[in-house]
Amino acid sequence: MLLAGDFNTFGGDRELEPLLRAGFEKAGPARCPTFPSSRPRLGLDMVLRSTGVSVTSFSVPEVIYSDHLPVICDFRIDSLQGEGGCGP
């Protein structure tokens, strides 16, 4: 599973603690500023991954399309767990 977006974690990573305890990990570097795009200081935008998902590349291009910098995350599904998946 991947969770991605603007998490608005103005209080830092402690706000992610319930997700981290549930087994999610940050897909990119520990500190990855994306906001504001004109002079990034806060890492509000991120991708979280669960077990079975590997990150093959991660980047934050320095382009100003909005007030946040974009996050690009390429990934690979290592295993499908459970029944009823859409995979082979």
PDB file of N, CA and C in Angstrom:
ATOM      1  N   MET A   1       0.841  -1.166   0.000  1.00  0.00           N
ATOM      2  CA  MET A   1       0.000   0.000   0.000  1.00  0.00           C
ATOM      3  C   MET A   1       0.893   1.238   0.000  1.00  0.00           C
ATOM      4  N   LEU A   2       0.471   2.249  -0.727  1.00  0.00           N
ATOM      5  CA  LEU A   2       1.138   3.548  -0.724  1.00  0.00           C
ATOM      6  C   LEU A   2       0.161   4.610  -0.271  1.00  0.00           C
ATOM      7  N   LEU A   3       0.631   5.509   0.557  1.00  0.00           N
ATOM      8  CA  LEU A   3      -0.124   6.700   0.960  1.00  0.00           C
ATOM      9  C   LEU A   3       0.716   7.888   0.540  1.00  0.00           C
ATOM     10  N   ALA A   4       0.145   8.785  -0.242  1.00  0.00           N
ATOM     11  CA  ALA A   4       0.924   9.916  -0.744  1.00  0.00           C
ATOM     12  C   ALA A   4       0.085  11.177  -0.705  1.00  0.00           C
ATOM     13  N   GLY A   5       0.756  12.300  -0.434  1.00  0.00           N
ATOM     14  CA  GLY A   5       0.054  13.569  -0.478  1.00  0.00           C
ATOM     15  C   GLY A   5       0.667  14.602   0.444  1.00  0.00           C
ATOM     16  N   ASP A   6      -0.067  15.671   0.634  1.00  0.00           N
ATOM     17  CA  ASP A   6       0.296  16.750   1.546  1.00  0.00           C
ATOM     18  C   ASP A   6      -0.251  16.370   2.917  1.00  0.00           C
ATOM     19  N   PHE A   7       0.629  15.980   3.818  1.00  0.00           N
ATOM     20  CA  PHE A   7       0.195  15.507   5.131  1.00  0.00           C
ATOM     21  C   PHE A   7      -0.007  16.635   6.136  1.00  0.00           C
ATOM     22  N   ASN A   8       0.448  17.857   5.814  1.00  0.00           N
ATOM     23  CA  ASN A   8       0.301  18.998   6.724  1.00  0.00           C
ATOM     24  C   ASN A   8       0.767  18.664   8.139  1.00  0.00           C
ATOM     25  N   THR A   9       1.901  18.012   8.235  1.00  0.00           N
ATOM     26  CA  THR A   9       2.455  17.640   9.539  1.00  0.00           C
ATOM     27  C   THR A   9       3.339  18.774  10.055  1.00  0.00           C
ATOM     28  N   PHE A  10       2.692  19.874  10.397  1.00  0.00           N
ATOM     29  CA  PHE A  10       3.423  21.039  10.885  1.00  0.00           C
ATOM     30  C   PHE A  10       4.117  20.750  12.208  1.00  0.00           C
ATOM     31  N   GLY A  11       3.648  19.753  12.953  1.00  0.00           N
ATOM     32  CA  GLY A  11       4.264  19.368  14.219  1.00  0.00           C
ATOM     33  C   GLY A  11       5.384  18.360  14.068  1.00  0.00           C
ATOM     34  N   GLY A  12       5.741  18.004  12.841  1.00  0.00           N
ATOM     35  CA  GLY A  12       6.841  17.071  12.611  1.00  0.00           C
ATOM     36  C   GLY A  12       6.382  15.630  12.514  1.00  0.00           C
ATOM     37  N   ASP A  13       7.356  14.735  12.479  1.00  0.00           N
ATOM     38  CA  ASP A  13       7.090  13.314  12.265  1.00  0.00           C
ATOM     39  C   ASP A  13       6.288  12.657  13.383  1.00  0.00           C
ATOM     40  N   ARG A  14       6.241  13.275  14.552  1.00  0.00           N
ATOM     41  CA  ARG A  14       5.456  12.645  15.629  1.00  0.00           C
ATOM     42  C   ARG A  14       3.980  12.543  15.240  1.00  0.00           C
ATOM     43  N   GLU A  15       3.538  13.386  14.322  1.00  0.00           N
ATOM     44  CA  GLU A  15       2.154  13.303  13.849  1.00  0.00           C
ATOM     45  C   GLU A  15       1.928  12.079  12.968  1.00  0.00           C
ATOM     46  N   LEU A  16       2.987  11.496  12.459  1.00  0.00           N
ATOM     47  CA  LEU A  16       2.889  10.287  11.638  1.00  0.00           C
ATOM     48  C   LEU A  16       2.954   9.017  12.472  1.00  0.00           C
ATOM     49  N   GLU A  17       3.187   9.152  13.750  1.00  0.00           N
ATOM     50  CA  GLU A  17       3.432   7.998  14.619  1.00  0.00           C
ATOM     51  C   GLU A  17       2.393   6.868  14.475  1.00  0.00           C
ATOM     52  N   PRO A  18       1.091   7.150  14.411  1.00  0.00           N
ATOM     53  CA  PRO A  18       0.134   6.042  14.247  1.00  0.00           C
ATOM     54  C   PRO A  18       0.364   5.253  12.947  1.00  0.00           C
ATOM     55  N   LEU A  19       0.723   5.938  11.881  1.00  0.00           N
ATOM     56  CA  LEU A  19       0.994   5.251  10.620  1.00  0.00           C
ATOM     57  C   LEU A  19       2.299   4.472  10.682  1.00  0.00           C
ATOM     58  N   LEU A  20       3.308   5.034  11.324  1.00  0.00           N
ATOM     59  CA  LEU A  20       4.580   4.341  11.458  1.00  0.00           C
ATOM     60  C   LEU A  20       4.439   3.098  12.340  1.00  0.00           C
ATOM     61  N   ARG A  21       3.657   3.196  13.407  1.00  0.00           N
ATOM     62  CA  ARG A  21       3.392   2.031  14.265  1.00  0.00           C
ATOM     63  C   ARG A  21       2.626   0.948  13.514  1.00  0.00           C
ATOM     64  N   ALA A  22       1.806   1.356  12.541  1.00  0.00           N
ATOM     65  CA  ALA A  22       1.034   0.397  11.750  1.00  0.00           C
ATOM     66  C   ALA A  22       1.890  -0.279  10.678  1.00  0.00           C
ATOM     67  N   GLY A  23       3.156   0.127  10.560  1.00  0.00           N
ATOM     68  CA  GLY A  23       4.059  -0.542   9.634  1.00  0.00           C
ATOM     69  C   GLY A  23       4.457   0.258   8.406  1.00  0.00           C
ATOM     70  N   PHE A  24       3.958   1.471   8.269  1.00  0.00           N
ATOM     71  CA  PHE A  24       4.359   2.296   7.135  1.00  0.00           C
ATOM     72  C   PHE A  24       5.745   2.885   7.379  1.00  0.00           C
ATOM     73  N   GLU A  25       6.460   3.128   6.280  1.00  0.00           N
ATOM     74  CA  GLU A  25       7.764   3.783   6.328  1.00  0.00           C
ATOM     75  C   GLU A  25       7.781   4.886   5.293  1.00  0.00           C
ATOM     76  N   LYS A  26       8.562   5.932   5.553  1.00  0.00           N
ATOM     77  CA  LYS A  26       8.725   6.988   4.560  1.00  0.00           C
ATOM     78  C   LYS A  26       9.454   6.420   3.350  1.00  0.00           C
ATOM     79  N   ALA A  27       8.973   6.767   2.171  1.00  0.00           N
ATOM     80  CA  ALA A  27       9.580   6.258   0.954  1.00  0.00           C
ATOM     81  C   ALA A  27      10.840   7.023   0.577  1.00  0.00           C
ATOM     82  N   GLY A  28      10.937   8.275   0.946  1.00  0.00           N
ATOM     83  CA  GLY A  28      12.086   9.097   0.563  1.00  0.00           C
ATOM     84  C   GLY A  28      13.028   9.324   1.723  1.00  0.00           C
ATOM     85  N   PRO A  29      13.881  10.339   1.589  1.00  0.00           N
ATOM     86  CA  PRO A  29      14.825  10.647   2.665  1.00  0.00           C
ATOM     87  C   PRO A  29      14.108  11.111   3.932  1.00  0.00           C
ATOM     88  N   ALA A  30      14.789  10.986   5.054  1.00  0.00           N
ATOM     89  CA  ALA A  30      14.192  11.368   6.335  1.00  0.00           C
ATOM     90  C   ALA A  30      13.768  12.834   6.346  1.00  0.00           C
ATOM     91  N   ARG A  31      14.600  13.707   5.786  1.00  0.00           N
ATOM     92  CA  ARG A  31      14.255  15.129   5.703  1.00  0.00           C
ATOM     93  C   ARG A  31      14.174  15.493   4.235  1.00  0.00           C
ATOM     94  N   CYS A  32      12.995  15.906   3.810  1.00  0.00           N
ATOM     95  CA  CYS A  32      12.761  16.186   2.396  1.00  0.00           C
ATOM     96  C   CYS A  32      11.835  17.401   2.272  1.00  0.00           C
ATOM     97  N   PRO A  33      12.380  18.626   2.354  1.00  0.00           N
ATOM     98  CA  PRO A  33      11.543  19.820   2.323  1.00  0.00           C
ATOM     99  C   PRO A  33      10.852  20.040   0.976  1.00  0.00           C
ATOM    100  N   THR A  34       9.559  20.338   1.040  1.00  0.00           N
ATOM    101  CA  THR A  34       8.743  20.545  -0.169  1.00  0.00           C
ATOM    102  C   THR A  34       7.902  21.812  -0.104  1.00  0.00           C
ATOM    103  N   PHE A  35       7.883  22.490   1.052  1.00  0.00           N
ATOM    104  CA  PHE A  35       7.008  23.648   1.223  1.00  0.00           C
ATOM    105  C   PHE A  35       7.729  24.754   1.974  1.00  0.00           C
ATOM    106  N   PRO A  36       7.537  25.990   1.556  1.00  0.00           N
ATOM    107  CA  PRO A  36       6.908  26.461   0.327  1.00  0.00           C
ATOM    108  C   PRO A  36       7.841  26.238  -0.870  1.00  0.00           C
ATOM    109  N   SER A  37       7.274  26.114  -2.030  1.00  0.00           N
ATOM    110  CA  SER A  37       8.064  25.761  -3.208  1.00  0.00           C
ATOM    111  C   SER A  37       9.123  26.809  -3.541  1.00  0.00           C
ATOM    112  N   SER A  38       8.864  28.058  -3.212  1.00  0.00           N
ATOM    113  CA  SER A  38       9.824  29.116  -3.520  1.00  0.00           C
ATOM    114  C   SER A  38      11.076  29.043  -2.644  1.00  0.00           C
ATOM    115  N   ARG A  39      10.939  28.481  -1.463  1.00  0.00           N
ATOM    116  CA  ARG A  39      12.068  28.323  -0.529  1.00  0.00           C
ATOM    117  C   ARG A  39      11.725  27.212   0.460  1.00  0.00           C
ATOM    118  N   PRO A  40      11.831  25.956   0.020  1.00  0.00           N
ATOM    119  CA  PRO A  40      11.358  24.822   0.837  1.00  0.00           C
ATOM    120  C   PRO A  40      12.051  24.711   2.187  1.00  0.00           C
ATOM    121  N   ARG A  41      11.240  24.640   3.229  1.00  0.00           N
ATOM    122  CA  ARG A  41      11.745  24.479   4.590  1.00  0.00           C
ATOM    123  C   ARG A  41      11.062  23.324   5.326  1.00  0.00           C
ATOM    124  N   LEU A  42       9.837  23.014   4.933  1.00  0.00           N
ATOM    125  CA  LEU A  42       9.068  21.977   5.625  1.00  0.00           C
ATOM    126  C   LEU A  42       8.809  20.788   4.710  1.00  0.00           C
ATOM    127  N   GLY A  43       8.896  19.606   5.280  1.00  0.00           N
ATOM    128  CA  GLY A  43       8.611  18.381   4.528  1.00  0.00           C
ATOM    129  C   GLY A  43       7.175  17.932   4.732  1.00  0.00           C
ATOM    130  N   LEU A  44       6.239  18.614   4.106  1.00  0.00           N
ATOM    131  CA  LEU A  44       4.817  18.305   4.289  1.00  0.00           C
ATOM    132  C   LEU A  44       4.310  17.261   3.306  1.00  0.00           C
ATOM    133  N   ASP A  45       4.955  17.145   2.173  1.00  0.00           N
ATOM    134  CA  ASP A  45       4.501  16.238   1.111  1.00  0.00           C
ATOM    135  C   ASP A  45       5.369  14.992   1.134  1.00  0.00           C
ATOM    136  N   MET A  46       4.735  13.844   1.172  1.00  0.00           N
ATOM    137  CA  MET A  46       5.519  12.621   1.277  1.00  0.00           C
ATOM    138  C   MET A  46       4.764  11.423   0.753  1.00  0.00           C
ATOM    139  N   VAL A  47       5.506  10.341   0.624  1.00  0.00           N
ATOM    140  CA  VAL A  47       4.961   9.043   0.255  1.00  0.00           C
ATOM    141  C   VAL A  47       5.323   8.090   1.380  1.00  0.00           C
ATOM    142  N   LEU A  48       4.340   7.361   1.859  1.00  0.00           N
ATOM    143  CA  LEU A  48       4.566   6.320   2.855  1.00  0.00           C
ATOM    144  C   LEU A  48       4.292   4.982   2.186  1.00  0.00           C
ATOM    145  N   ARG A  49       5.088   3.976   2.515  1.00  0.00           N
ATOM    146  CA  ARG A  49       4.922   2.654   1.903  1.00  0.00           C
ATOM    147  C   ARG A  49       4.790   1.593   2.975  1.00  0.00           C
ATOM    148  N   SER A  50       4.089   0.547   2.625  1.00  0.00           N
ATOM    149  CA  SER A  50       3.957  -0.580   3.539  1.00  0.00           C
ATOM    150  C   SER A  50       4.919  -1.685   3.110  1.00  0.00           C
ATOM    151  N   THR A  51       5.008  -2.722   3.916  1.00  0.00           N
ATOM    152  CA  THR A  51       5.823  -3.880   3.592  1.00  0.00           C
ATOM    153  C   THR A  51       5.353  -4.456   2.255  1.00  0.00           C
ATOM    154  N   GLY A  52       6.294  -4.893   1.444  1.00  0.00           N
ATOM    155  CA  GLY A  52       5.942  -5.454   0.148  1.00  0.00           C
ATOM    156  C   GLY A  52       6.031  -4.459  -0.989  1.00  0.00           C
ATOM    157  N   VAL A  53       6.367  -3.213  -0.664  1.00  0.00           N
ATOM    158  CA  VAL A  53       6.542  -2.172  -1.679  1.00  0.00           C
ATOM    159  C   VAL A  53       7.960  -1.639  -1.537  1.00  0.00           C
ATOM    160  N   SER A  54       8.736  -1.705  -2.632  1.00  0.00           N
ATOM    161  CA  SER A  54      10.096  -1.178  -2.636  1.00  0.00           C
ATOM    162  C   SER A  54      10.160   0.079  -3.488  1.00  0.00           C
ATOM    163  N   VAL A  55      10.895   1.061  -3.014  1.00  0.00           N
ATOM    164  CA  VAL A  55      11.084   2.301  -3.765  1.00  0.00           C
ATOM    165  C   VAL A  55      12.283   2.112  -4.688  1.00  0.00           C
ATOM    166  N   THR A  56      12.088   2.361  -5.978  1.00  0.00           N
ATOM    167  CA  THR A  56      13.180   2.231  -6.937  1.00  0.00           C
ATOM    168  C   THR A  56      13.820   3.575  -7.248  1.00  0.00           C
ATOM    169  N   SER A  57      13.088   4.668  -7.096  1.00  0.00           N
ATOM    170  CA  SER A  57      13.669   6.008  -7.192  1.00  0.00           C
ATOM    171  C   SER A  57      12.727   7.005  -6.533  1.00  0.00           C
ATOM    172  N   PHE A  58      13.302   8.100  -6.059  1.00  0.00           N
ATOM    173  CA  PHE A  58      12.540   9.123  -5.355  1.00  0.00           C
ATOM    174  C   PHE A  58      13.191  10.465  -5.642  1.00  0.00           C
ATOM    175  N   SER A  59      12.383  11.450  -5.998  1.00  0.00           N
ATOM    176  CA  SER A  59      12.942  12.773  -6.252  1.00  0.00           C
ATOM    177  C   SER A  59      11.919  13.863  -5.975  1.00  0.00           C
ATOM    178  N   VAL A  60      12.442  15.052  -5.745  1.00  0.00           N
ATOM    179  CA  VAL A  60      11.624  16.249  -5.559  1.00  0.00           C
ATOM    180  C   VAL A  60      12.181  17.296  -6.529  1.00  0.00           C
ATOM    181  N   PRO A  61      11.582  17.392  -7.723  1.00  0.00           N
ATOM    182  CA  PRO A  61      12.082  18.367  -8.699  1.00  0.00           C
ATOM    183  C   PRO A  61      11.886  19.800  -8.206  1.00  0.00           C
ATOM    184  N   GLU A  62      12.845  20.621  -8.497  1.00  0.00           N
ATOM    185  CA  GLU A  62      12.762  22.032  -8.096  1.00  0.00           C
ATOM    186  C   GLU A  62      12.045  22.827  -9.186  1.00  0.00           C
ATOM    187  N   VAL A  63      10.748  22.575  -9.301  1.00  0.00           N
ATOM    188  CA  VAL A  63       9.891  23.296 -10.248  1.00  0.00           C
ATOM    189  C   VAL A  63       8.720  23.871  -9.463  1.00  0.00           C
ATOM    190  N   ILE A  64       8.302  25.050  -9.817  1.00  0.00           N
ATOM    191  CA  ILE A  64       7.239  25.709  -9.071  1.00  0.00           C
ATOM    192  C   ILE A  64       5.949  25.666  -9.887  1.00  0.00           C
ATOM    193  N   TYR A  65       5.126  24.648  -9.581  1.00  0.00           N
ATOM    194  CA  TYR A  65       3.805  24.526 -10.187  1.00  0.00           C
ATOM    195  C   TYR A  65       2.723  25.000  -9.227  1.00  0.00           C
ATOM    196  N   SER A  66       3.036  24.982  -7.946  1.00  0.00           N
ATOM    197  CA  SER A  66       2.088  25.411  -6.915  1.00  0.00           C
ATOM    198  C   SER A  66       2.896  25.874  -5.712  1.00  0.00           C
ATOM    199  N   ASP A  67       2.255  25.963  -4.567  1.00  0.00           N
ATOM    200  CA  ASP A  67       2.977  26.368  -3.363  1.00  0.00           C
ATOM    201  C   ASP A  67       3.778  25.217  -2.754  1.00  0.00           C
ATOM    202  N   HIS A  68       3.622  23.996  -3.281  1.00  0.00           N
ATOM    203  CA  HIS A  68       4.377  22.819  -2.846  1.00  0.00           C
ATOM    204  C   HIS A  68       5.198  22.298  -4.018  1.00  0.00           C
ATOM    205  N   LEU A  69       6.386  21.752  -3.724  1.00  0.00           N
ATOM    206  CA  LEU A  69       7.159  21.079  -4.763  1.00  0.00           C
ATOM    207  C   LEU A  69       6.564  19.693  -5.007  1.00  0.00           C
ATOM    208  N   PRO A  70       6.629  19.198  -6.244  1.00  0.00           N
ATOM    209  CA  PRO A  70       6.106  17.856  -6.520  1.00  0.00           C
ATOM    210  C   PRO A  70       7.033  16.772  -5.973  1.00  0.00           C
ATOM    211  N   VAL A  71       6.459  15.617  -5.695  1.00  0.00           N
ATOM    212  CA  VAL A  71       7.201  14.448  -5.238  1.00  0.00           C
ATOM    213  C   VAL A  71       7.003  13.351  -6.277  1.00  0.00           C
ATOM    214  N   ILE A  72       8.108  12.761  -6.719  1.00  0.00           N
ATOM    215  CA  ILE A  72       8.034  11.657  -7.687  1.00  0.00           C
ATOM    216  C   ILE A  72       8.610  10.418  -7.021  1.00  0.00           C
ATOM    217  N   CYS A  73       7.824   9.361  -7.006  1.00  0.00           N
ATOM    218  CA  CYS A  73       8.243   8.114  -6.368  1.00  0.00           C
ATOM    219  C   CYS A  73       7.945   6.956  -7.309  1.00  0.00           C
ATOM    220  N   ASP A  74       8.999   6.281  -7.767  1.00  0.00           N
ATOM    221  CA  ASP A  74       8.833   5.049  -8.540  1.00  0.00           C
ATOM    222  C   ASP A  74       8.964   3.894  -7.562  1.00  0.00           C
ATOM    223  N   PHE A  75       8.146   2.884  -7.767  1.00  0.00           N
ATOM    224  CA  PHE A  75       8.134   1.777  -6.819  1.00  0.00           C
ATOM    225  C   PHE A  75       7.894   0.455  -7.530  1.00  0.00           C
ATOM    226  N   ARG A  76       8.120  -0.618  -6.783  1.00  0.00           N
ATOM    227  CA  ARG A  76       7.895  -1.981  -7.267  1.00  0.00           C
ATOM    228  C   ARG A  76       7.111  -2.727  -6.189  1.00  0.00           C
ATOM    229  N   ILE A  77       6.117  -3.471  -6.634  1.00  0.00           N
ATOM    230  CA  ILE A  77       5.372  -4.332  -5.710  1.00  0.00           C
ATOM    231  C   ILE A  77       6.150  -5.640  -5.586  1.00  0.00           C
ATOM    232  N   ASP A  78       6.642  -5.915  -4.393  1.00  0.00           N
ATOM    233  CA  ASP A  78       7.449  -7.114  -4.172  1.00  0.00           C
ATOM    234  C   ASP A  78       6.597  -8.358  -4.002  1.00  0.00           C
ATOM    235  N   SER A  79       5.438  -8.198  -3.372  1.00  0.00           N
ATOM    236  CA  SER A  79       4.573  -9.349  -3.132  1.00  0.00           C
ATOM    237  C   SER A  79       3.141  -8.875  -2.985  1.00  0.00           C
ATOM    238  N   LEU A  80       2.246  -9.713  -3.431  1.00  0.00           N
ATOM    239  CA  LEU A  80       0.820  -9.454  -3.208  1.00  0.00           C
ATOM    240  C   LEU A  80       0.383 -10.320  -2.052  1.00  0.00           C
ATOM    241  N   GLN A  81      -0.219  -9.695  -1.052  1.00  0.00           N
ATOM    242  CA  GLN A  81      -0.637 -10.435   0.129  1.00  0.00           C
ATOM    243  C   GLN A  81      -2.156 -10.496   0.171  1.00  0.00           C
ATOM    244  N   GLY A  82      -2.672 -11.614   0.630  1.00  0.00           N
ATOM    245  CA  GLY A  82      -4.115 -11.735   0.784  1.00  0.00           C
ATOM    246  C   GLY A  82      -4.802 -12.168  -0.496  1.00  0.00           C
ATOM    247  N   GLU A  83      -6.086 -12.319  -0.417  1.00  0.00           N
ATOM    248  CA  GLU A  83      -6.914 -12.777  -1.517  1.00  0.00           C
ATOM    249  C   GLU A  83      -7.616 -11.618  -2.164  1.00  0.00           C
ATOM    250  N   GLY A  84      -8.073 -11.824  -3.367  1.00  0.00           N
ATOM    251  CA  GLY A  84      -8.915 -10.832  -4.036  1.00  0.00           C
ATOM    252  C   GLY A  84      -8.171  -9.669  -4.638  1.00  0.00           C
ATOM    253  N   GLY A  85      -6.853  -9.797  -4.827  1.00  0.00           N
ATOM    254  CA  GLY A  85      -6.078  -8.723  -5.419  1.00  0.00           C
ATOM    255  C   GLY A  85      -6.347  -8.625  -6.920  1.00  0.00           C
ATOM    256  N   CYS A  86      -5.910  -7.550  -7.509  1.00  0.00           N
ATOM    257  CA  CYS A  86      -6.087  -7.345  -8.940  1.00  0.00           C
ATOM    258  C   CYS A  86      -4.900  -7.860  -9.738  1.00  0.00           C
ATOM    259  N   GLY A  87      -3.868  -8.322  -9.076  1.00  0.00           N
ATOM    260  CA  GLY A  87      -2.677  -8.799  -9.766  1.00  0.00           C
ATOM    261  C   GLY A  87      -2.833 -10.232 -10.227  1.00  0.00           C
ATOM    262  N   PRO A  88      -1.826 -10.727 -10.961  1.00  0.00           N
ATOM    263  CA  PRO A  88      -1.872 -12.112 -11.454  1.00  0.00           C
ATOM    264  C   PRO A  88      -1.773 -13.122 -10.333  1.00  0.00           C
TER     265      PRO A  88
END
